[in-house]
Amino acid sequence: MNFIPTQRYLSTHQLIYNTFFKRNSAFVATCFVGAFAFQISFDLGTTAWWDYHNRGKQWKDIRAKYIQAGDSDEE
């Protein structure tokens, strides 16, 4: 099966190429923005995964139990 690109397909790719990859400065900026966005999304994803798999074992989950127990001993 042969793929014959249409004019719309070429126009879209030409637009992307001319916008992001043709000039070195635009290419470098695209790489930096992409790396920054990937870093943020990876960090948020792994933090959410870690919190989900360690639910009930972290200080933020059990803090209230120990703070309330400590307050009742002082009274």
C-alpha atoms as a PDB file:
ATOM      1  CA  MET A   1       0.000   0.000   0.000  1.00  0.00           C
ATOM      2  CA  ASN A   2       1.565   3.254  -1.114  1.00  0.00           C
ATOM      3  CA  PHE A   3       1.201   6.431   0.901  1.00  0.00           C
ATOM      4  CA  ILE A   4       0.643   9.482  -1.245  1.00  0.00           C
ATOM      5  CA  PRO A   5       0.861  12.672   0.813  1.00  0.00           C
ATOM      6  CA  THR A   6      -1.826  15.236   0.193  1.00  0.00           C
ATOM      7  CA  GLN A   7      -1.289  18.985  -0.034  1.00  0.00           C
ATOM      8  CA  ARG A   8      -2.850  19.475   3.423  1.00  0.00           C
ATOM      9  CA  TYR A   9      -0.467  16.907   4.908  1.00  0.00           C
ATOM     10  CA  LEU A  10       2.513  18.672   3.371  1.00  0.00           C
ATOM     11  CA  SER A  11       1.279  22.070   4.483  1.00  0.00           C
ATOM     12  CA  THR A  12       0.924  20.927   8.076  1.00  0.00           C
ATOM     13  CA  HIS A  13       4.402  19.448   8.123  1.00  0.00           C
ATOM     14  CA  GLN A  14       5.870  22.481   6.411  1.00  0.00           C
ATOM     15  CA  LEU A  15       4.256  24.727   9.009  1.00  0.00           C
ATOM     16  CA  ILE A  16       5.656  22.650  11.871  1.00  0.00           C
ATOM     17  CA  TYR A  17       9.084  22.484  10.252  1.00  0.00           C
ATOM     18  CA  ASN A  18       9.201  26.225   9.526  1.00  0.00           C
ATOM     19  CA  THR A  19       7.976  27.107  13.016  1.00  0.00           C
ATOM     20  CA  PHE A  20      10.059  24.788  15.211  1.00  0.00           C
ATOM     21  CA  PHE A  21      12.959  23.244  13.313  1.00  0.00           C
ATOM     22  CA  LYS A  22      14.152  25.455  10.473  1.00  0.00           C
ATOM     23  CA  ARG A  23      16.102  27.982  12.542  1.00  0.00           C
ATOM     24  CA  ASN A  24      18.561  26.828  15.170  1.00  0.00           C
ATOM     25  CA  SER A  25      17.265  29.266  17.778  1.00  0.00           C
ATOM     26  CA  ALA A  26      13.700  28.000  17.402  1.00  0.00           C
ATOM     27  CA  PHE A  27      14.908  24.378  17.530  1.00  0.00           C
ATOM     28  CA  VAL A  28      16.881  24.980  20.731  1.00  0.00           C
ATOM     29  CA  ALA A  29      13.946  26.816  22.316  1.00  0.00           C
ATOM     30  CA  THR A  30      11.640  23.928  21.383  1.00  0.00           C
ATOM     31  CA  CYS A  31      14.049  21.452  22.988  1.00  0.00           C
ATOM     32  CA  PHE A  32      14.262  23.490  26.203  1.00  0.00           C
ATOM     33  CA  VAL A  33      10.502  23.962  26.468  1.00  0.00           C
ATOM     34  CA  GLY A  34       9.914  20.283  25.745  1.00  0.00           C
ATOM     35  CA  ALA A  35      12.473  19.191  28.342  1.00  0.00           C
ATOM     36  CA  PHE A  36      11.016  21.559  30.936  1.00  0.00           C
ATOM     37  CA  ALA A  37       7.464  20.327  30.303  1.00  0.00           C
ATOM     38  CA  PHE A  38       8.597  16.685  30.426  1.00  0.00           C
ATOM     39  CA  GLN A  39      10.435  17.265  33.702  1.00  0.00           C
ATOM     40  CA  ILE A  40       7.387  18.806  35.359  1.00  0.00           C
ATOM     41  CA  SER A  41       4.996  16.131  34.105  1.00  0.00           C
ATOM     42  CA  PHE A  42       7.381  13.301  35.058  1.00  0.00           C
ATOM     43  CA  ASP A  43       7.845  14.754  38.546  1.00  0.00           C
ATOM     44  CA  LEU A  44       4.110  15.149  39.099  1.00  0.00           C
ATOM     45  CA  GLY A  45       3.421  11.664  37.757  1.00  0.00           C
ATOM     46  CA  THR A  46       6.014   9.904  39.894  1.00  0.00           C
ATOM     47  CA  THR A  47       4.963  11.840  43.002  1.00  0.00           C
ATOM     48  CA  ALA A  48       1.327  10.856  42.459  1.00  0.00           C
ATOM     49  CA  TRP A  49       2.343   7.223  41.893  1.00  0.00           C
ATOM     50  CA  TRP A  50       4.508   7.221  45.046  1.00  0.00           C
ATOM     51  CA  ASP A  51       1.748   8.765  47.159  1.00  0.00           C
ATOM     52  CA  TYR A  52      -0.787   6.250  45.842  1.00  0.00           C
ATOM     53  CA  HIS A  53       1.406   3.235  46.575  1.00  0.00           C
ATOM     54  CA  ASN A  54       2.478   4.482  50.012  1.00  0.00           C
ATOM     55  CA  ARG A  55      -0.904   5.722  51.205  1.00  0.00           C
ATOM     56  CA  GLY A  56      -1.258   5.494  54.989  1.00  0.00           C
ATOM     57  CA  LYS A  57       2.497   5.099  55.571  1.00  0.00           C
ATOM     58  CA  GLN A  58       3.640   8.670  55.097  1.00  0.00           C
ATOM     59  CA  TRP A  59       3.839  11.375  57.742  1.00  0.00           C
ATOM     60  CA  LYS A  60       1.235  13.511  55.981  1.00  0.00           C
ATOM     61  CA  ASP A  61      -1.247  10.626  56.336  1.00  0.00           C
ATOM     62  CA  ILE A  62      -0.600   9.750  59.998  1.00  0.00           C
ATOM     63  CA  ARG A  63       0.328  13.184  61.382  1.00  0.00           C
ATOM     64  CA  ALA A  64      -3.149  13.993  62.689  1.00  0.00           C
ATOM     65  CA  LYS A  65      -3.276  10.785  64.737  1.00  0.00           C
ATOM     66  CA  TYR A  66      -0.018  11.584  66.548  1.00  0.00           C
ATOM     67  CA  ILE A  67      -0.719  15.292  66.984  1.00  0.00           C
ATOM     68  CA  GLN A  68      -4.129  14.589  68.558  1.00  0.00           C
ATOM     69  CA  ALA A  69      -2.659  11.864  70.787  1.00  0.00           C
ATOM     70  CA  GLY A  70       0.069  14.254  71.938  1.00  0.00           C
ATOM     71  CA  ASP A  71      -2.405  17.049  72.726  1.00  0.00           C
ATOM     72  CA  SER A  72      -4.573  14.835  74.960  1.00  0.00           C
ATOM     73  CA  ASP A  73      -1.530  13.846  77.094  1.00  0.00           C
ATOM     74  CA  GLU A  74      -0.682  17.472  77.837  1.00  0.00           C
ATOM     75  CA  GLU A  75      -4.113  18.355  79.256  1.00  0.00           C
END
